[in-house]
N, C-alpha and C. Protein backbone atom coordinates (compact mmCIF):
# COMPACT_ATOMS: atom_id res chain seq x y z
N MET A 1 -24.47 -0.42 0.32
CA MET A 1 -24.11 -0.82 1.58
C MET A 1 -24.06 0.14 2.83
N THR A 2 -24.26 -0.04 3.94
CA THR A 2 -24.35 0.58 5.17
C THR A 2 -23.45 0.56 5.91
N LEU A 3 -22.70 1.72 6.36
CA LEU A 3 -21.62 1.82 7.08
C LEU A 3 -21.98 2.34 8.70
N LYS A 4 -21.31 1.43 9.80
CA LYS A 4 -22.00 2.20 10.91
C LYS A 4 -20.76 2.47 11.57
N LEU A 5 -20.47 3.71 12.34
CA LEU A 5 -19.12 4.30 12.89
C LEU A 5 -19.69 4.53 14.47
N THR A 6 -18.59 4.37 15.10
CA THR A 6 -19.07 4.78 16.50
C THR A 6 -17.99 5.77 17.30
N VAL A 7 -18.27 6.92 17.85
CA VAL A 7 -17.52 7.77 18.12
C VAL A 7 -17.69 8.34 19.44
N GLU A 8 -16.81 9.14 20.16
CA GLU A 8 -17.11 10.03 21.34
C GLU A 8 -17.94 10.89 21.68
N ASN A 9 -17.68 11.73 20.60
CA ASN A 9 -18.44 13.10 20.68
C ASN A 9 -18.77 13.61 19.44
N ALA A 10 -19.35 15.05 19.39
CA ALA A 10 -19.90 15.59 18.22
C ALA A 10 -18.80 16.07 17.60
N VAL A 11 -17.86 16.31 17.92
CA VAL A 11 -16.38 16.73 17.14
C VAL A 11 -15.92 15.63 16.40
N GLN A 12 -15.86 14.50 16.94
CA GLN A 12 -15.37 13.34 16.14
C GLN A 12 -16.49 12.88 15.22
N ALA A 13 -18.00 13.12 15.28
CA ALA A 13 -18.50 12.77 14.59
C ALA A 13 -18.53 13.56 13.39
N LEU A 14 -18.21 15.08 13.38
CA LEU A 14 -18.08 15.84 12.59
C LEU A 14 -16.78 15.29 11.35
N GLU A 15 -16.14 15.46 11.99
CA GLU A 15 -14.50 14.34 11.36
C GLU A 15 -14.81 13.18 10.65
N GLU A 16 -15.89 12.54 11.27
CA GLU A 16 -16.02 11.26 10.34
C GLU A 16 -17.15 11.46 9.15
N ILE A 17 -18.00 12.55 9.66
CA ILE A 17 -19.08 12.77 8.73
C ILE A 17 -18.31 13.57 7.20
N LYS A 18 -17.44 14.62 7.67
CA LYS A 18 -16.48 14.79 6.56
C LYS A 18 -15.62 14.10 5.84
N LYS A 19 -15.37 13.09 6.35
CA LYS A 19 -14.88 11.74 5.71
C LYS A 19 -15.74 11.19 4.64
N LEU A 20 -16.59 10.88 5.19
CA LEU A 20 -17.95 9.95 4.78
C LEU A 20 -18.25 10.92 3.14
N GLU A 21 -18.27 12.29 3.11
CA GLU A 21 -18.92 12.82 2.35
C GLU A 21 -17.66 13.12 1.37
N LEU A 22 -16.32 12.62 1.60
CA LEU A 22 -15.26 12.63 0.57
C LEU A 22 -15.30 11.52 -0.27
N GLN A 23 -16.06 10.43 0.69
CA GLN A 23 -16.26 9.22 0.03
C GLN A 23 -17.65 9.04 -0.88
N GLY A 24 -18.39 10.11 -1.08
CA GLY A 24 -19.53 10.21 -1.83
C GLY A 24 -20.80 10.17 -1.27
N HIS A 25 -21.07 10.39 0.06
CA HIS A 25 -22.15 10.32 0.90
C HIS A 25 -22.81 11.40 0.91
N SER A 26 -24.09 11.78 0.98
CA SER A 26 -24.77 12.95 1.29
C SER A 26 -25.09 13.01 2.55
N ARG A 27 -25.16 14.19 3.01
CA ARG A 27 -25.57 14.22 4.63
C ARG A 27 -26.97 14.03 4.60
N ASP A 28 -27.76 13.74 3.60
CA ASP A 28 -29.07 13.33 3.86
C ASP A 28 -29.25 12.04 3.93
N ASP A 29 -28.18 11.04 3.74
CA ASP A 29 -28.16 9.76 3.71
C ASP A 29 -27.04 9.30 4.97
N ILE A 30 -26.87 10.19 6.00
CA ILE A 30 -25.80 10.07 7.11
C ILE A 30 -26.84 10.45 8.34
N TYR A 31 -26.79 9.49 9.13
CA TYR A 31 -27.60 9.77 10.54
C TYR A 31 -27.01 9.63 11.53
N VAL A 32 -27.15 10.38 12.67
CA VAL A 32 -26.10 10.33 13.75
C VAL A 32 -27.17 10.10 15.06
N PHE A 33 -27.12 8.90 15.69
CA PHE A 33 -27.80 8.75 16.94
C PHE A 33 -27.05 8.82 18.34
N ALA A 34 -27.74 9.65 19.07
CA ALA A 34 -27.18 9.53 20.40
C ALA A 34 -28.37 8.93 21.40
N HIS A 35 -27.98 8.60 22.69
CA HIS A 35 -29.07 7.84 23.57
C HIS A 35 -30.39 8.90 23.81
N PHE A 36 -29.83 10.24 24.38
CA PHE A 36 -30.93 10.99 25.00
C PHE A 36 -31.40 11.80 23.31
N LYS A 37 -32.86 11.97 23.40
CA LYS A 37 -33.65 12.69 22.04
C LYS A 37 -32.95 13.81 21.99
N GLU A 38 -32.84 14.73 22.79
CA GLU A 38 -32.18 15.97 22.95
C GLU A 38 -30.90 15.95 22.53
N ARG A 39 -30.14 15.38 22.80
CA ARG A 39 -28.92 15.28 22.22
C ARG A 39 -28.68 15.03 20.77
N SER A 40 -29.53 14.14 20.47
CA SER A 40 -29.53 13.59 19.09
C SER A 40 -30.24 14.52 18.32
N ASP A 41 -31.06 15.16 18.67
CA ASP A 41 -31.85 16.41 17.88
C ASP A 41 -30.62 17.51 17.63
N ASP A 42 -30.05 17.85 18.78
CA ASP A 42 -29.23 18.94 18.68
C ASP A 42 -27.91 18.87 17.85
N ILE A 43 -27.31 17.51 17.84
CA ILE A 43 -26.36 17.27 16.96
C ILE A 43 -26.59 17.06 15.46
N ASN A 44 -27.92 16.22 15.07
CA ASN A 44 -28.35 16.35 14.08
C ASN A 44 -28.35 17.69 13.26
N LYS A 45 -29.03 18.81 14.02
CA LYS A 45 -28.97 19.96 13.55
C LYS A 45 -28.01 20.86 13.42
N ALA A 46 -26.82 20.67 14.26
CA ALA A 46 -25.56 21.43 14.45
C ALA A 46 -24.54 20.96 12.76
N LEU A 47 -24.93 19.34 12.84
CA LEU A 47 -24.12 18.91 11.58
C LEU A 47 -24.60 18.57 10.45
N ASP A 48 -26.15 19.24 10.28
CA ASP A 48 -26.95 19.10 9.29
C ASP A 48 -27.21 17.67 8.47
N THR A 49 -27.38 16.75 9.34
CA THR A 49 -27.51 15.40 8.87
C THR A 49 -28.87 15.20 9.40
N ALA A 50 -29.25 13.78 8.83
CA ALA A 50 -30.65 13.54 8.41
C ALA A 50 -30.98 12.73 9.56
N GLU A 51 -32.26 12.92 10.28
CA GLU A 51 -33.26 12.29 11.02
C GLU A 51 -34.08 10.91 10.37
N VAL A 52 -33.94 10.04 11.17
CA VAL A 52 -35.01 8.85 10.59
C VAL A 52 -36.48 9.07 10.72
N GLY A 53 -37.13 9.33 9.59
CA GLY A 53 -38.34 9.41 9.55
C GLY A 53 -39.32 8.71 8.96
N ILE A 54 -40.49 9.10 8.49
CA ILE A 54 -41.36 8.34 7.69
C ILE A 54 -40.64 7.86 6.72
N LYS A 55 -40.20 8.52 6.05
CA LYS A 55 -39.48 8.11 4.56
C LYS A 55 -38.75 6.63 5.07
N GLU A 56 -37.93 6.68 5.96
CA GLU A 56 -37.08 5.29 6.10
C GLU A 56 -38.08 4.36 6.97
N GLN A 57 -39.08 4.82 7.70
CA GLN A 57 -39.57 3.74 8.68
C GLN A 57 -41.06 3.40 8.08
N GLY A 58 -41.45 4.05 7.27
CA GLY A 58 -42.83 3.87 7.26
C GLY A 58 -43.88 4.56 8.22
N ILE A 59 -45.05 4.90 7.71
CA ILE A 59 -45.61 5.48 8.97
C ILE A 59 -46.51 4.59 9.85
N LEU A 60 -46.42 3.44 9.66
CA LEU A 60 -46.82 2.65 10.89
C LEU A 60 -45.69 2.51 12.01
N ASN A 61 -44.64 2.01 11.43
CA ASN A 61 -43.53 2.46 12.55
C ASN A 61 -43.08 3.41 13.22
N SER A 62 -43.20 4.53 12.37
CA SER A 62 -43.18 6.13 13.03
C SER A 62 -44.01 6.19 14.51
N MET A 63 -45.23 5.95 13.81
CA MET A 63 -46.53 6.15 15.13
C MET A 63 -46.01 5.00 15.99
N LYS A 64 -45.64 3.72 15.85
CA LYS A 64 -45.11 2.91 16.82
C LYS A 64 -44.34 3.46 17.87
N ASN A 65 -43.16 3.99 17.27
CA ASN A 65 -42.13 4.60 17.99
C ASN A 65 -42.81 5.75 19.07
N MET A 66 -43.74 6.19 18.85
CA MET A 66 -44.23 7.16 19.53
C MET A 66 -44.73 6.95 20.94
N PHE A 67 -44.83 5.49 21.04
CA PHE A 67 -45.37 4.79 22.23
C PHE A 67 -44.54 3.64 22.93
N THR A 68 -43.19 3.72 22.17
CA THR A 68 -42.31 2.60 22.81
C THR A 68 -41.12 3.30 23.59
N SER A 69 -40.45 2.47 24.22
CA SER A 69 -39.19 2.99 25.06
C SER A 69 -38.09 3.55 24.30
N ARG A 70 -37.44 4.50 24.58
CA ARG A 70 -36.13 5.36 23.94
C ARG A 70 -35.37 4.01 23.38
N GLY A 71 -35.25 2.84 24.06
CA GLY A 71 -34.30 2.14 23.37
C GLY A 71 -34.65 0.99 22.35
N ASP A 72 -36.24 0.88 22.38
CA ASP A 72 -36.88 0.16 21.36
C ASP A 72 -37.14 1.20 19.91
N GLU A 73 -37.40 2.40 20.32
CA GLU A 73 -37.20 3.66 19.39
C GLU A 73 -35.97 3.63 18.49
N LEU A 74 -34.99 3.55 19.40
CA LEU A 74 -33.46 3.71 18.65
C LEU A 74 -33.29 2.59 17.96
N ARG A 75 -33.43 1.27 18.20
CA ARG A 75 -33.10 0.24 17.58
C ARG A 75 -34.03 0.05 16.47
N ASN A 76 -35.15 0.48 16.25
CA ASN A 76 -36.10 0.51 15.14
C ASN A 76 -35.70 1.58 14.11
N LYS A 77 -35.22 2.58 14.41
CA LYS A 77 -34.80 3.63 13.66
C LYS A 77 -33.41 3.25 12.99
N MET A 78 -32.41 2.64 13.80
CA MET A 78 -31.38 2.13 13.49
C MET A 78 -31.48 0.83 12.36
N GLU A 79 -32.50 0.35 12.93
CA GLU A 79 -32.80 -0.93 11.49
C GLU A 79 -33.38 -0.28 10.41
N ALA A 80 -34.29 0.75 10.46
CA ALA A 80 -34.61 1.54 9.30
C ALA A 80 -33.58 2.37 8.54
N ALA A 81 -32.74 2.60 9.18
CA ALA A 81 -31.43 3.34 8.26
C ALA A 81 -30.46 2.25 7.63
N GLY A 82 -30.57 0.74 8.02
CA GLY A 82 -30.07 0.14 7.37
C GLY A 82 -28.99 -1.07 8.21
N LEU A 83 -29.19 -1.04 9.58
CA LEU A 83 -28.58 -2.05 10.32
C LEU A 83 -29.61 -3.51 10.55
N THR A 84 -28.85 -4.30 10.53
CA THR A 84 -29.55 -5.52 11.22
C THR A 84 -30.25 -5.51 12.62
N LYS A 85 -31.02 -6.51 12.79
CA LYS A 85 -31.52 -6.25 14.17
C LYS A 85 -30.33 -6.54 15.20
N GLU A 86 -29.70 -7.34 14.99
CA GLU A 86 -28.38 -7.66 15.95
C GLU A 86 -27.62 -6.56 15.95
N GLU A 87 -27.28 -6.03 14.74
CA GLU A 87 -26.37 -4.69 14.85
C GLU A 87 -26.86 -3.64 15.66
N ALA A 88 -28.29 -3.27 15.32
CA ALA A 88 -28.90 -2.38 16.26
C ALA A 88 -28.98 -2.44 17.33
N ALA A 89 -29.08 -3.48 18.07
CA ALA A 89 -29.10 -4.22 19.42
C ALA A 89 -27.76 -3.78 20.23
N ASN A 90 -26.68 -4.44 19.42
CA ASN A 90 -25.32 -3.62 19.50
C ASN A 90 -24.92 -2.45 19.80
N ALA A 91 -25.45 -1.77 18.75
CA ALA A 91 -25.15 -0.33 18.77
C ALA A 91 -26.03 0.80 19.83
N GLU A 92 -27.21 0.14 20.16
CA GLU A 92 -28.03 0.72 21.35
C GLU A 92 -27.31 0.54 22.47
N GLU A 93 -26.52 -0.56 22.84
CA GLU A 93 -25.77 -0.82 23.72
C GLU A 93 -24.56 0.25 23.80
N GLU A 94 -24.02 0.35 22.87
CA GLU A 94 -22.74 1.61 22.76
C GLU A 94 -23.43 3.10 23.04
N LEU A 95 -24.95 3.16 22.70
CA LEU A 95 -25.28 4.42 23.10
C LEU A 95 -25.67 4.34 24.28
N ASP A 96 -26.14 3.46 25.15
CA ASP A 96 -26.23 3.56 26.40
C ASP A 96 -24.78 3.90 27.16
N GLN A 97 -23.64 3.83 26.64
CA GLN A 97 -22.48 3.98 27.34
C GLN A 97 -22.05 5.41 26.90
N GLY A 98 -23.12 6.38 26.60
CA GLY A 98 -22.56 7.89 25.87
C GLY A 98 -22.07 7.92 24.57
N LYS A 99 -21.61 6.83 23.88
CA LYS A 99 -21.20 7.27 22.64
C LYS A 99 -22.22 7.56 21.66
N LEU A 100 -21.91 7.97 20.37
CA LEU A 100 -22.58 8.46 19.28
C LEU A 100 -22.38 7.35 17.95
N ILE A 101 -23.56 6.86 17.28
CA ILE A 101 -23.47 6.03 16.35
C ILE A 101 -24.09 6.81 15.17
N ILE A 102 -23.12 6.51 13.95
CA ILE A 102 -22.92 7.24 12.80
C ILE A 102 -23.37 6.16 12.08
N ILE A 103 -24.44 6.36 11.05
CA ILE A 103 -24.88 5.44 9.95
C ILE A 103 -25.10 5.88 8.60
N ALA A 104 -24.21 5.52 7.75
CA ALA A 104 -24.64 6.43 6.44
C ALA A 104 -24.77 5.27 5.37
N ASN A 105 -25.56 5.35 4.45
CA ASN A 105 -26.08 4.38 3.29
C ASN A 105 -25.37 4.82 1.89
């Protein structure tokens, strides 16, 4: 089952990640998304959470994301992490508002 949480900042993200770990989720199966790539990279590094990569997306989608807009890349990665196309589109709108999205499998 895929869980999606929306938080305002990295402090709230850390609190939610700790709750997810208590529920049995591994940080290898928890993904944090931010609209700006640098913010997303910094948060994933600081919180020791996974990044959606070739393992989740496959090599073709990973390569395709190198040539798409950030919004398309985020939607593709959130789908690879377990959201439906519609859920990913709604989550990307939340990212546009400066929020963070946490997805756990």
